């Protein structure tokens, strides 16, 4: 009597309805993909952070000027699409007060804008 109930519960958990957990039978796979995705993100963020911190003053000047090689290098590392860069530079310019005070905030903004 237990096995039919357990089977029924497992099968009802596999519905196509939206939920915050997804299919419970796929949780181990989604956990693995999350770990891999996080590792890739952290690697990319580390690259962006090194570029920003080693070229911080130059990147701030590039932002103020509307672009430049150091900013382009940081945007490349962050994965910001070329088509979005003009709008992102305008956004960076409007928040320069934040980025003048914190290179970490600039790294975060670039990562948010990146793909």
C-alpha atoms as a PDB file:
ATOM      1  CA  UNK A   1       0.000   0.000   0.000  1.00  0.00           C
ATOM      2  CA  UNK A   2       2.921   2.357   0.655  1.00  0.00           C
ATOM      3  CA  UNK A   3       4.566   2.057  -2.751  1.00  0.00           C
ATOM      4  CA  UNK A   4       1.524   3.183  -4.759  1.00  0.00           C
ATOM      5  CA  UNK A   5       1.197   6.240  -2.520  1.00  0.00           C
ATOM      6  CA  UNK A   6       4.904   7.085  -2.839  1.00  0.00           C
ATOM      7  CA  UNK A   7       4.728   6.604  -6.610  1.00  0.00           C
ATOM      8  CA  UNK A   8       1.656   8.815  -6.834  1.00  0.00           C
ATOM      9  CA  UNK A   9       3.367  11.541  -4.794  1.00  0.00           C
ATOM     10  CA  UNK A  10       6.483  11.421  -6.981  1.00  0.00           C
ATOM     11  CA  UNK A  11       4.446  11.558 -10.169  1.00  0.00           C
ATOM     12  CA  UNK A  12       2.359  14.505  -8.996  1.00  0.00           C
ATOM     13  CA  UNK A  13       5.581  16.335  -8.180  1.00  0.00           C
ATOM     14  CA  UNK A  14       6.506  16.082 -11.871  1.00  0.00           C
ATOM     15  CA  UNK A  15       3.796  18.403 -13.145  1.00  0.00           C
ATOM     16  CA  UNK A  16       4.283  21.027 -15.834  1.00  0.00           C
ATOM     17  CA  UNK A  17       2.957  23.730 -13.522  1.00  0.00           C
ATOM     18  CA  UNK A  18       5.313  26.531 -12.543  1.00  0.00           C
ATOM     19  CA  UNK A  19       6.793  26.286  -9.078  1.00  0.00           C
ATOM     20  CA  UNK A  20       9.833  27.629  -7.303  1.00  0.00           C
ATOM     21  CA  UNK A  21      11.596  24.270  -7.007  1.00  0.00           C
ATOM     22  CA  UNK A  22      11.156  22.815 -10.457  1.00  0.00           C
ATOM     23  CA  UNK A  23      10.968  19.079 -10.998  1.00  0.00           C
ATOM     24  CA  UNK A  24      12.235  17.414  -7.805  1.00  0.00           C
ATOM     25  CA  UNK A  25      13.654  14.505  -9.801  1.00  0.00           C
ATOM     26  CA  UNK A  26      15.959  16.957 -11.583  1.00  0.00           C
ATOM     27  CA  UNK A  27      17.234  18.698  -8.435  1.00  0.00           C
ATOM     28  CA  UNK A  28      20.606  16.886  -8.448  1.00  0.00           C
ATOM     29  CA  UNK A  29      21.200  17.973 -12.053  1.00  0.00           C
ATOM     30  CA  UNK A  30      20.134  21.552 -11.411  1.00  0.00           C
ATOM     31  CA  UNK A  31      22.449  21.631  -8.382  1.00  0.00           C
ATOM     32  CA  UNK A  32      25.383  20.556 -10.521  1.00  0.00           C
ATOM     33  CA  UNK A  33      24.565  23.123 -13.211  1.00  0.00           C
ATOM     34  CA  UNK A  34      24.286  25.819 -10.535  1.00  0.00           C
ATOM     35  CA  UNK A  35      27.752  24.967  -9.215  1.00  0.00           C
ATOM     36  CA  UNK A  36      29.209  25.079 -12.728  1.00  0.00           C
ATOM     37  CA  UNK A  37      27.411  28.358 -13.512  1.00  0.00           C
ATOM     38  CA  UNK A  38      28.608  29.940 -10.281  1.00  0.00           C
ATOM     39  CA  UNK A  39      32.195  28.901 -10.981  1.00  0.00           C
ATOM     40  CA  UNK A  40      32.065  30.460 -14.453  1.00  0.00           C
ATOM     41  CA  UNK A  41      30.566  33.671 -13.048  1.00  0.00           C
ATOM     42  CA  UNK A  42      33.199  33.913 -10.320  1.00  0.00           C
ATOM     43  CA  UNK A  43      35.983  33.419 -12.862  1.00  0.00           C
ATOM     44  CA  UNK A  44      34.572  36.175 -15.097  1.00  0.00           C
ATOM     45  CA  UNK A  45      34.041  38.476 -12.116  1.00  0.00           C
ATOM     46  CA  UNK A  46      37.635  37.911 -11.018  1.00  0.00           C
ATOM     47  CA  UNK A  47      38.869  38.941 -14.463  1.00  0.00           C
ATOM     48  CA  UNK A  48      36.728  42.086 -14.428  1.00  0.00           C
ATOM     49  CA  UNK A  49      37.871  42.926 -10.898  1.00  0.00           C
ATOM     50  CA  UNK A  50      41.559  42.602 -11.842  1.00  0.00           C
ATOM     51  CA  UNK A  51      41.085  44.826 -14.889  1.00  0.00           C
ATOM     52  CA  UNK A  52      39.127  47.473 -12.969  1.00  0.00           C
ATOM     53  CA  UNK A  53      41.461  47.574  -9.977  1.00  0.00           C
ATOM     54  CA  UNK A  54      44.630  47.692 -12.069  1.00  0.00           C
ATOM     55  CA  UNK A  55      43.246  50.411 -14.397  1.00  0.00           C
ATOM     56  CA  UNK A  56      40.859  52.163 -12.016  1.00  0.00           C
ATOM     57  CA  UNK A  57      41.840  55.786 -12.717  1.00  0.00           C
ATOM     58  CA  UNK A  58      42.058  55.196 -16.460  1.00  0.00           C
ATOM     59  CA  UNK A  59      38.660  53.490 -16.566  1.00  0.00           C
ATOM     60  CA  UNK A  60      37.058  56.374 -14.673  1.00  0.00           C
ATOM     61  CA  UNK A  61      38.569  58.786 -17.222  1.00  0.00           C
ATOM     62  CA  UNK A  62      37.316  56.570 -20.059  1.00  0.00           C
ATOM     63  CA  UNK A  63      33.805  56.617 -18.600  1.00  0.00           C
ATOM     64  CA  UNK A  64      33.872  60.406 -18.354  1.00  0.00           C
ATOM     65  CA  UNK A  65      35.173  60.641 -21.928  1.00  0.00           C
ATOM     66  CA  UNK A  66      32.468  58.324 -23.260  1.00  0.00           C
ATOM     67  CA  UNK A  67      34.774  55.370 -23.888  1.00  0.00           C
ATOM     68  CA  UNK A  68      38.360  54.260 -24.171  1.00  0.00           C
ATOM     69  CA  UNK A  69      40.586  51.194 -24.346  1.00  0.00           C
ATOM     70  CA  UNK A  70      40.647  50.405 -20.621  1.00  0.00           C
ATOM     71  CA  UNK A  71      36.863  50.623 -20.343  1.00  0.00           C
ATOM     72  CA  UNK A  72      36.497  48.517 -23.504  1.00  0.00           C
ATOM     73  CA  UNK A  73      38.743  45.847 -21.982  1.00  0.00           C
ATOM     74  CA  UNK A  74      36.639  45.792 -18.789  1.00  0.00           C
ATOM     75  CA  UNK A  75      33.404  45.629 -20.787  1.00  0.00           C
ATOM     76  CA  UNK A  76      34.797  42.808 -22.926  1.00  0.00           C
ATOM     77  CA  UNK A  77      35.685  40.818 -19.813  1.00  0.00           C
ATOM     78  CA  UNK A  78      32.239  41.466 -18.315  1.00  0.00           C
ATOM     79  CA  UNK A  79      30.553  40.272 -21.513  1.00  0.00           C
ATOM     80  CA  UNK A  80      28.661  43.477 -22.232  1.00  0.00           C
ATOM     81  CA  UNK A  81      27.294  43.256 -25.790  1.00  0.00           C
ATOM     82  CA  UNK A  82      28.673  45.865 -28.213  1.00  0.00           C
ATOM     83  CA  UNK A  83      25.169  47.071 -29.077  1.00  0.00           C
ATOM     84  CA  UNK A  84      24.459  47.929 -25.423  1.00  0.00           C
ATOM     85  CA  UNK A  85      27.718  49.705 -24.617  1.00  0.00           C
ATOM     86  CA  UNK A  86      26.721  53.286 -25.534  1.00  0.00           C
ATOM     87  CA  UNK A  87      23.691  53.111 -23.221  1.00  0.00           C
ATOM     88  CA  UNK A  88      25.742  51.467 -20.472  1.00  0.00           C
ATOM     89  CA  UNK A  89      28.405  54.171 -20.680  1.00  0.00           C
ATOM     90  CA  UNK A  90      25.695  56.801 -20.200  1.00  0.00           C
ATOM     91  CA  UNK A  91      24.456  54.884 -17.160  1.00  0.00           C
ATOM     92  CA  UNK A  92      27.987  54.644 -15.783  1.00  0.00           C
ATOM     93  CA  UNK A  93      28.469  58.388 -16.308  1.00  0.00           C
ATOM     94  CA  UNK A  94      25.286  59.163 -14.397  1.00  0.00           C
ATOM     95  CA  UNK A  95      26.531  57.147 -11.400  1.00  0.00           C
ATOM     96  CA  UNK A  96      30.151  58.362 -11.398  1.00  0.00           C
ATOM     97  CA  UNK A  97      29.867  59.556  -7.796  1.00  0.00           C
ATOM     98  CA  UNK A  98      29.379  55.969  -6.682  1.00  0.00           C
ATOM     99  CA  UNK A  99      32.239  54.642  -8.809  1.00  0.00           C
ATOM    100  CA  UNK A 100      34.626  57.387  -7.705  1.00  0.00           C
ATOM    101  CA  UNK A 101      34.165  56.126  -4.158  1.00  0.00           C
ATOM    102  CA  UNK A 102      34.241  52.381  -4.819  1.00  0.00           C
ATOM    103  CA  UNK A 103      35.944  50.253  -7.463  1.00  0.00           C
ATOM    104  CA  UNK A 104      33.845  47.331  -6.203  1.00  0.00           C
ATOM    105  CA  UNK A 105      30.669  49.163  -7.169  1.00  0.00           C
ATOM    106  CA  UNK A 106      32.049  49.624 -10.680  1.00  0.00           C
ATOM    107  CA  UNK A 107      32.877  45.921 -10.913  1.00  0.00           C
ATOM    108  CA  UNK A 108      29.350  45.053  -9.778  1.00  0.00           C
ATOM    109  CA  UNK A 109      27.773  47.404 -12.315  1.00  0.00           C
ATOM    110  CA  UNK A 110      29.831  45.951 -15.161  1.00  0.00           C
ATOM    111  CA  UNK A 111      28.881  42.414 -14.132  1.00  0.00           C
ATOM    112  CA  UNK A 112      25.192  43.327 -13.956  1.00  0.00           C
ATOM    113  CA  UNK A 113      25.361  44.841 -17.451  1.00  0.00           C
ATOM    114  CA  UNK A 114      27.244  41.820 -18.790  1.00  0.00           C
ATOM    115  CA  UNK A 115      25.626  38.750 -20.220  1.00  0.00           C
END
